[in-house]
């Protein structure tokens, strides 16, 4: 018989070799080598239909708050908003002429997508490959600014400066919210008067207008949606602890391997799945742990319903992939301005 000590030693060696194959052998850690680090940033968005309206009326005002794009410009960054769309460039410029002038978007690039694809995930890949190729060739970086997303004041600047010179990507957890948030006085003043919405304020608004999918992401409920990737726990009236197993990458320093990955996969939905796994294994991404550093919200249709499952009290685990396990270890703090 094989002695138990020898059996355990063989078992541990096999486990170690398996870990080596999965995490080290085929994917080397990325190490930035000192070189040119251009201060050129594309603000990347893809939108058509009703999302064109939310882009110009809400996303644009949020990224042009004083602590976002204007602050980056003051630090010498060249900022180029680029909008990919299925619609006519001339019709967009005509319809949103006032918004373009109001936000000094004279250098806005509008690229019309020509494709025979019909599903959003396939249409999106055409634009994504284009912006990856553009940034790689120009040694530029890009910030993903979806047309259904509002950023807090300071978030774009903080995220860029957190990874600049490191040539890393930057990811963060974000909540889904109802469209009723757009009716709040803080948001209305931001869009009409150019006032600022700080992170603590936007966290407060997000909690007030949480979409059902995130209301039921409360891991203190026995029946919840934490299996889908996000768990939220209220610590007190100001602090919320969040575990997000699929954080979204917002700031990107593109590499050739990224272009090849999406060219091969042909699927934009791999953004926070297999591509995130590549970034994690290559040590190319930093994940925000605080809303004071970065915070944004995603507008979500009420037609999307929460599907809860019982027996998940205290759960924050979702997914078995490598990136899920690593992301699960990041304890994120969302700080609201509430003091009552």
Protein backbone atom coordinates (compact mmCIF):
# COMPACT_ATOMS: atom_id res chain seq x y z
CA UNK A 1 0.00 0.00 0.00
CA UNK A 2 1.08 3.57 -0.65
CA UNK A 3 1.81 5.35 2.64
CA UNK A 4 -0.70 8.12 3.40
CA UNK A 5 2.11 10.70 3.65
CA UNK A 6 3.32 9.81 0.16
CA UNK A 7 -0.22 9.89 -1.20
CA UNK A 8 -0.76 13.39 0.23
CA UNK A 9 2.56 14.56 -1.18
CA UNK A 10 1.62 13.31 -4.67
CA UNK A 11 -1.82 14.88 -4.33
CA UNK A 12 -0.33 18.25 -3.37
CA UNK A 13 2.17 18.09 -6.24
CA UNK A 14 -0.63 17.40 -8.74
CA UNK A 15 -2.72 20.23 -7.32
CA UNK A 16 0.24 22.59 -7.55
CA UNK A 17 0.97 21.54 -11.14
CA UNK A 18 -2.70 22.02 -12.06
CA UNK A 19 -2.58 25.52 -10.59
CA UNK A 20 0.60 26.21 -12.55
CA UNK A 21 -1.01 25.11 -15.80
CA UNK A 22 -4.12 27.18 -15.16
CA UNK A 23 -2.57 30.35 -13.87
CA UNK A 24 1.10 30.66 -14.80
CA UNK A 25 2.26 28.34 -17.55
CA UNK A 26 0.37 29.71 -20.52
CA UNK A 27 -0.32 33.27 -19.37
CA UNK A 28 2.59 35.39 -18.22
CA UNK A 29 2.07 38.34 -15.90
CA UNK A 30 2.17 41.67 -17.67
CA UNK A 31 4.98 43.94 -16.57
CA UNK A 32 5.03 47.50 -17.84
CA UNK A 33 8.31 48.56 -19.38
CA UNK A 34 9.12 52.23 -19.23
CA UNK A 35 8.42 53.96 -22.50
CA UNK A 36 6.09 56.37 -24.21
CA UNK A 37 2.89 57.03 -22.28
CA UNK A 38 0.78 59.34 -24.40
CA UNK A 39 -1.79 61.58 -22.78
CA UNK A 40 -4.42 60.75 -25.34
CA UNK A 41 -7.80 59.37 -24.30
CA UNK A 42 -10.77 58.35 -26.42
CA UNK A 43 -14.11 58.43 -24.62
CA UNK A 44 -15.72 55.41 -26.26
CA UNK A 45 -19.49 55.02 -26.65
CA UNK A 46 -21.70 52.96 -28.91
CA UNK A 47 -25.36 53.96 -29.17
CA UNK A 48 -28.36 54.09 -31.46
CA UNK A 49 -32.09 54.60 -31.05
CA UNK A 50 -33.25 55.98 -27.69
CA UNK A 51 -29.77 55.56 -26.23
CA UNK A 52 -28.54 58.43 -28.39
CA UNK A 53 -30.82 60.68 -26.33
CA UNK A 54 -29.60 59.42 -22.95
CA UNK A 55 -26.01 59.75 -24.19
CA UNK A 56 -26.31 63.45 -25.04
CA UNK A 57 -28.70 64.40 -22.24
CA UNK A 58 -27.18 62.49 -19.32
CA UNK A 59 -23.93 60.59 -20.02
CA UNK A 60 -22.24 63.58 -21.67
CA UNK A 61 -23.11 66.07 -18.87
CA UNK A 62 -21.85 63.56 -16.30
CA UNK A 63 -18.46 63.03 -17.92
CA UNK A 64 -18.08 66.78 -18.49
CA UNK A 65 -18.49 67.64 -14.81
CA UNK A 66 -15.60 69.78 -13.56
CA UNK A 67 -13.77 66.88 -11.92
CA UNK A 68 -13.90 64.59 -14.94
CA UNK A 69 -12.94 65.58 -18.49
CA UNK A 70 -12.19 69.28 -17.74
CA UNK A 71 -9.77 68.26 -14.97
CA UNK A 72 -8.07 65.73 -17.23
CA UNK A 73 -7.70 68.41 -19.91
CA UNK A 74 -6.14 70.77 -17.36
CA UNK A 75 -3.51 68.10 -16.71
CA UNK A 76 -2.53 68.00 -20.38
CA UNK A 77 -4.65 65.08 -21.58
CA UNK A 78 -6.07 65.18 -25.09
CA UNK A 79 -9.68 64.04 -24.85
CA UNK A 80 -11.55 62.79 -27.91
CA UNK A 81 -15.16 61.59 -27.50
CA UNK A 82 -15.98 58.97 -30.10
CA UNK A 83 -19.51 57.76 -30.75
CA UNK A 84 -20.17 54.64 -32.81
CA UNK A 85 -23.69 54.35 -34.15
CA UNK A 86 -25.97 52.79 -36.74
CA UNK A 87 -27.54 56.16 -37.45
CA UNK A 88 -26.65 58.97 -39.84
CA UNK A 89 -23.84 61.24 -38.66
CA UNK A 90 -25.53 64.32 -40.14
CA UNK A 91 -28.87 63.57 -38.48
CA UNK A 92 -27.19 63.19 -35.05
CA UNK A 93 -25.26 66.44 -35.43
CA UNK A 94 -28.43 68.24 -36.50
CA UNK A 95 -30.67 66.83 -33.77
CA UNK A 96 -28.19 67.41 -30.94
CA UNK A 97 -26.62 70.63 -32.18
CA UNK A 98 -27.39 72.48 -28.93
CA UNK A 99 -25.93 69.70 -26.75
CA UNK A 100 -22.80 69.56 -28.90
CA UNK A 101 -22.26 73.32 -28.58
CA UNK A 102 -23.14 73.40 -24.88
CA UNK A 103 -20.54 70.77 -23.99
CA UNK A 104 -17.86 72.01 -26.42
CA UNK A 105 -17.99 68.78 -28.42
CA UNK A 106 -16.48 70.26 -31.57
CA UNK A 107 -13.99 67.37 -31.69
CA UNK A 108 -16.68 64.68 -31.25
CA UNK A 109 -16.05 61.84 -33.70
CA UNK A 110 -19.14 60.04 -34.95
CA UNK A 111 -18.42 56.75 -36.70
CA UNK A 112 -21.28 55.05 -38.49
CA UNK A 113 -21.14 51.27 -38.21
CA UNK A 114 -21.66 49.36 -41.42
CA UNK A 115 -22.41 45.73 -40.65
CA UNK A 116 -24.73 42.89 -41.58
CA UNK A 117 -24.94 41.80 -37.93
CA UNK A 118 -28.31 42.11 -36.20
CA UNK A 119 -27.73 41.33 -32.52
CA UNK A 120 -26.32 44.08 -30.25
CA UNK A 121 -23.47 41.89 -29.00
CA UNK A 122 -22.32 41.30 -32.60
CA UNK A 123 -22.84 44.93 -33.67
CA UNK A 124 -20.88 46.12 -30.66
CA UNK A 125 -17.88 44.00 -31.56
CA UNK A 126 -17.40 45.91 -34.82
CA UNK A 127 -17.06 49.19 -32.93
CA UNK A 128 -14.94 47.64 -30.19
CA UNK A 129 -12.40 46.23 -32.63
CA UNK A 130 -12.21 49.63 -34.31
CA UNK A 131 -11.47 51.52 -31.09
CA UNK A 132 -8.94 48.90 -29.97
CA UNK A 133 -7.11 49.15 -33.30
CA UNK A 134 -7.21 52.95 -33.24
CA UNK A 135 -5.84 53.20 -29.71
CA UNK A 136 -3.12 50.58 -30.21
CA UNK A 137 -1.88 52.32 -33.36
CA UNK A 138 -1.98 55.77 -31.72
CA UNK A 139 -0.62 54.62 -28.33
CA UNK A 140 -3.77 55.98 -26.75
CA UNK A 141 -6.07 54.70 -24.02
CA UNK A 142 -9.84 54.75 -23.88
CA UNK A 143 -12.59 55.14 -21.32
CA UNK A 144 -15.77 53.19 -21.88
CA UNK A 145 -18.77 55.48 -21.38
CA UNK A 146 -21.95 53.49 -22.11
CA UNK A 147 -24.95 55.63 -23.15
CA UNK A 148 -27.03 54.34 -20.22
CA UNK A 149 -24.42 55.27 -17.60
CA UNK A 150 -23.95 58.36 -15.41
CA UNK A 151 -20.62 59.02 -13.70
CA UNK A 152 -20.07 60.93 -10.47
CA UNK A 153 -17.88 64.02 -10.40
CA UNK A 154 -14.20 63.05 -10.17
CA UNK A 155 -14.63 59.41 -11.16
CA UNK A 156 -13.10 59.67 -14.63
CA UNK A 157 -10.11 61.65 -13.38
CA UNK A 158 -9.53 59.33 -10.41
CA UNK A 159 -9.74 56.16 -12.48
CA UNK A 160 -7.38 57.43 -15.19
CA UNK A 161 -4.83 58.75 -12.69
CA UNK A 162 -4.98 55.50 -10.71
CA UNK A 163 -3.51 53.54 -13.61
CA UNK A 164 -1.67 56.17 -15.68
CA UNK A 165 2.03 55.30 -16.18
CA UNK A 166 1.22 51.78 -14.98
CA UNK A 167 -0.51 51.15 -18.31
CA UNK A 168 -3.11 49.08 -16.50
CA UNK A 169 -6.86 48.83 -16.96
CA UNK A 170 -9.30 49.97 -14.29
CA UNK A 171 -12.50 48.16 -13.30
CA UNK A 172 -15.27 48.82 -10.83
CA UNK A 173 -18.56 47.54 -9.50
CA UNK A 174 -21.63 49.61 -10.31
CA UNK A 175 -25.32 49.44 -9.44
CA UNK A 176 -28.29 49.24 -11.77
CA UNK A 177 -30.92 51.91 -11.17
CA UNK A 178 -34.40 52.83 -12.34
CA UNK A 179 -34.99 55.65 -14.80
CA UNK A 180 -36.78 57.55 -12.01
CA UNK A 181 -33.31 58.66 -10.90
CA UNK A 182 -33.27 61.08 -13.85
CA UNK A 183 -36.09 63.05 -12.24
CA UNK A 184 -34.05 63.86 -9.14
CA UNK A 185 -33.19 67.55 -8.64
CA UNK A 186 -29.44 66.80 -8.44
CA UNK A 187 -29.47 65.11 -11.85
CA UNK A 188 -31.71 67.79 -13.39
CA UNK A 189 -29.37 70.54 -12.15
CA UNK A 190 -26.36 68.69 -13.52
CA UNK A 191 -27.89 68.46 -16.98
CA UNK A 192 -29.39 71.97 -17.12
CA UNK A 193 -27.16 74.11 -14.89
CA UNK A 194 -23.86 72.26 -15.03
CA UNK A 195 -23.70 71.55 -11.28
CA UNK A 196 -21.72 68.63 -9.87
CA UNK A 197 -22.98 65.32 -8.50
CA UNK A 198 -20.40 63.97 -6.08
CA UNK A 199 -19.94 60.25 -5.47
CA UNK A 200 -21.63 60.25 -2.05
CA UNK A 201 -24.66 61.99 -3.55
CA UNK A 202 -24.87 59.56 -6.47
CA UNK A 203 -24.55 56.59 -4.09
CA UNK A 204 -27.46 57.98 -2.11
CA UNK A 205 -29.52 58.41 -5.28
CA UNK A 206 -28.58 54.92 -6.46
CA UNK A 207 -29.77 53.33 -3.22
CA UNK A 208 -33.00 55.35 -3.41
CA UNK A 209 -33.66 54.34 -7.03
CA UNK A 210 -32.18 50.83 -7.05
CA UNK A 211 -33.49 48.50 -9.73
CA UNK A 212 -35.22 45.35 -8.48
CA UNK A 213 -32.24 43.24 -9.53
CA UNK A 214 -30.14 45.13 -7.00
CA UNK A 215 -32.78 45.55 -4.32
CA UNK A 216 -32.84 41.76 -4.16
CA UNK A 217 -29.03 41.56 -4.26
CA UNK A 218 -29.26 42.14 -0.50
CA UNK A 219 -27.42 39.15 0.95
CA UNK A 220 -29.28 39.53 4.26
CA UNK A 221 -32.38 38.18 2.51
CA UNK A 222 -32.79 34.42 2.37
CA UNK A 223 -34.29 34.69 -1.12
CA UNK A 224 -32.15 36.95 -3.27
CA UNK A 225 -30.28 37.43 -6.57
CA UNK A 226 -26.70 37.13 -5.31
CA UNK A 227 -26.18 34.02 -7.44
CA UNK A 228 -26.13 36.39 -10.46
CA UNK A 229 -22.89 38.04 -9.37
CA UNK A 230 -23.55 40.93 -6.98
CA UNK A 231 -24.20 41.05 -3.25
CA UNK A 232 -24.97 44.24 -1.30
CA UNK A 233 -25.02 44.54 2.48
CA UNK A 234 -26.04 47.69 4.34
CA UNK A 235 -23.59 48.35 7.17
CA UNK A 236 -25.18 51.58 8.39
CA UNK A 237 -26.97 54.59 6.89
CA UNK A 238 -23.80 55.68 5.11
CA UNK A 239 -21.86 52.52 4.30
CA UNK A 240 -22.73 49.64 1.99
CA UNK A 241 -20.46 46.65 1.46
CA UNK A 242 -20.49 45.26 -2.07
CA UNK A 243 -19.02 42.08 -3.53
CA UNK A 244 -19.09 42.05 -7.34
CA UNK A 245 -17.92 38.89 -9.10
CA UNK A 246 -18.00 40.53 -12.56
CA UNK A 247 -16.73 44.13 -12.27
CA UNK A 248 -16.83 46.25 -15.41
CA UNK A 249 -13.62 47.56 -16.98
CA UNK A 250 -13.93 51.28 -17.68
CA UNK A 251 -10.39 52.49 -18.36
CA UNK A 252 -8.46 50.50 -20.96
CA UNK A 253 -4.83 50.52 -22.00
CA UNK A 254 -5.23 48.38 -25.13
CA UNK A 255 -2.69 45.74 -26.07
CA UNK A 256 -2.46 43.67 -29.22
CA UNK A 257 -3.64 40.62 -27.28
CA UNK A 258 -6.94 42.42 -26.57
CA UNK A 259 -7.60 43.04 -30.23
CA UNK A 260 -6.78 39.40 -31.05
CA UNK A 261 -9.01 38.18 -28.24
CA UNK A 262 -12.13 40.01 -29.42
CA UNK A 263 -11.35 39.33 -33.06
CA UNK A 264 -11.31 35.64 -32.22
CA UNK A 265 -14.30 35.59 -29.88
CA UNK A 266 -16.48 37.96 -31.91
CA UNK A 267 -18.55 38.54 -28.77
CA UNK A 268 -18.76 41.82 -26.85
CA UNK A 269 -20.36 39.98 -23.92
CA UNK A 270 -16.95 38.56 -23.06
CA UNK A 271 -15.99 42.06 -21.81
CA UNK A 272 -16.60 41.13 -18.17
CA UNK A 273 -16.15 37.40 -18.61
CA UNK A 274 -13.30 35.74 -20.50
CA UNK A 275 -11.57 39.05 -21.35
CA UNK A 276 -11.67 40.02 -17.68
CA UNK A 277 -10.10 36.64 -16.94
CA UNK A 278 -7.29 37.48 -19.36
CA UNK A 279 -6.72 40.85 -17.66
CA UNK A 280 -6.71 39.27 -14.20
CA UNK A 281 -4.34 36.46 -15.13
CA UNK A 282 -2.01 38.89 -16.89
CA UNK A 283 -2.12 41.23 -13.89
CA UNK A 284 -3.37 44.05 -16.15
CA UNK A 285 -6.33 45.36 -14.18
CA UNK A 286 -6.92 47.23 -10.93
CA UNK A 287 -10.34 46.93 -9.27
CA UNK A 288 -11.72 49.89 -7.35
CA UNK A 289 -12.62 49.26 -3.74
CA UNK A 290 -14.36 52.54 -2.95
CA UNK A 291 -17.07 54.78 -4.35
CA UNK A 292 -14.96 57.74 -3.22
CA UNK A 293 -12.50 56.72 -5.92
CA UNK A 294 -15.00 55.79 -8.62
CA UNK A 295 -18.76 55.50 -8.91
CA UNK A 296 -21.28 55.31 -11.73
CA UNK A 297 -24.81 54.00 -12.23
CA UNK A 298 -26.42 52.05 -15.08
CA UNK A 299 -29.96 52.96 -16.09
CA UNK A 300 -32.03 49.79 -16.39
CA UNK A 301 -35.46 49.17 -17.90
CA UNK A 302 -38.27 48.19 -15.52
CA UNK A 303 -39.04 45.42 -18.01
CA UNK A 304 -35.99 43.56 -16.69
CA UNK A 305 -37.22 41.58 -13.72
CA UNK A 306 -35.34 40.20 -10.72
CA UNK A 307 -35.30 36.40 -10.54
CA UNK A 308 -34.64 35.39 -6.95
CA UNK A 309 -33.59 32.04 -5.51
CA UNK A 310 -34.15 30.83 -1.92
CA UNK A 311 -31.54 29.61 0.54
CA UNK A 312 -28.91 32.25 -0.30
CA UNK A 313 -28.69 34.09 3.03
CA UNK A 314 -25.18 35.56 3.32
CA UNK A 315 -24.14 34.39 -0.15
CA UNK A 316 -21.70 36.45 -2.22
CA UNK A 317 -20.33 33.73 -4.51
CA UNK A 318 -21.20 33.59 -8.20
CA UNK A 319 -19.30 31.80 -10.94
CA UNK A 320 -16.42 29.36 -10.80
CA UNK A 321 -14.09 31.09 -13.24
CA UNK A 322 -10.72 32.44 -12.17
CA UNK A 323 -11.79 36.09 -12.52
CA UNK A 324 -14.90 35.44 -10.42
CA UNK A 325 -12.81 34.07 -7.57
CA UNK A 326 -10.33 36.93 -7.65
CA UNK A 327 -13.03 39.61 -7.91
CA UNK A 328 -14.90 37.98 -5.03
CA UNK A 329 -12.00 38.85 -2.74
CA UNK A 330 -12.38 42.59 -3.39
CA UNK A 331 -14.53 44.15 -0.69
CA UNK A 332 -16.02 47.35 -2.14
CA UNK A 333 -17.33 50.22 -0.03
CA UNK A 334 -20.10 52.46 -1.31
CA UNK A 335 -20.42 55.56 0.87
CA UNK A 336 -23.66 57.56 0.77
CA UNK A 337 -24.18 61.06 2.09
CA UNK A 338 -27.04 59.99 4.35
CA UNK A 339 -26.62 60.90 8.01
CA UNK A 340 -30.10 60.14 9.29
